[in-house]
Amino acid sequence: MTFFTQRKVAIAGAVIAAAIFIAANAHLITVAVTSQPDCTLSARGAAAKPSC
């Protein structure tokens, strides 16, 4: 494998890894924003609302 081919593969791998990282974080932000904030655990360890 030549230096330039190896360099292209390394750059492509870094771009793919960064894209996966960004997509995963975007998913976490989407889930956090669209979730039901009233359905969190209370101090007693039970759901805040019975419907949760």
Protein backbone atom coordinates (compact mmCIF):
# COMPACT_ATOMS: atom_id res chain seq x y z
CA MET A 1 0.00 0.00 0.00
CA THR A 2 1.48 3.32 -1.02
CA PHE A 3 1.71 6.34 1.24
CA PHE A 4 -1.05 8.20 -0.61
CA THR A 5 -3.41 5.23 -0.57
CA GLN A 6 -2.78 4.71 3.12
CA ARG A 7 -3.38 8.41 3.73
CA LYS A 8 -6.70 8.33 1.82
CA VAL A 9 -7.86 5.30 3.80
CA ALA A 10 -6.93 6.98 7.10
CA ILE A 11 -8.74 10.19 6.18
CA ALA A 12 -11.81 8.25 5.03
CA GLY A 13 -11.83 6.30 8.29
CA ALA A 14 -11.58 9.49 10.34
CA VAL A 15 -14.43 11.09 8.39
CA ILE A 16 -16.62 8.01 8.85
CA ALA A 17 -15.86 7.88 12.59
CA ALA A 18 -16.68 11.58 12.96
CA ALA A 19 -19.94 11.14 11.03
CA ILE A 20 -20.99 8.26 13.29
CA PHE A 21 -20.12 10.30 16.38
CA ILE A 22 -22.13 13.31 15.15
CA ALA A 23 -25.11 11.14 14.16
CA ALA A 24 -25.17 9.41 17.55
CA ASN A 25 -25.07 12.72 19.40
CA ALA A 26 -27.81 14.14 17.17
CA HIS A 27 -29.94 11.12 18.01
CA LEU A 28 -29.36 11.59 21.74
CA ILE A 29 -30.31 15.26 21.51
CA THR A 30 -33.46 14.39 19.53
CA VAL A 31 -34.51 11.77 22.06
CA ALA A 32 -33.82 14.13 24.97
CA VAL A 33 -35.88 16.93 23.44
CA THR A 34 -38.84 14.76 22.43
CA SER A 35 -38.98 12.63 25.57
CA GLN A 36 -41.52 13.08 28.34
CA PRO A 37 -39.76 15.12 31.03
CA ASP A 38 -42.54 14.43 33.54
CA CYS A 39 -41.74 10.73 33.42
CA THR A 40 -38.48 10.90 35.35
CA LEU A 41 -37.62 9.03 38.51
CA SER A 42 -38.58 10.69 41.73
CA ALA A 43 -36.65 10.60 45.01
CA ARG A 44 -38.58 7.45 45.96
CA GLY A 45 -37.36 5.65 42.86
CA ALA A 46 -40.80 5.29 41.31
CA ALA A 47 -42.11 6.99 38.20
CA ALA A 48 -43.34 10.53 38.75
CA LYS A 49 -46.71 9.73 37.18
CA PRO A 50 -48.55 6.40 37.26
CA SER A 51 -49.08 6.56 33.48
CA CYS A 52 -45.32 6.39 32.86
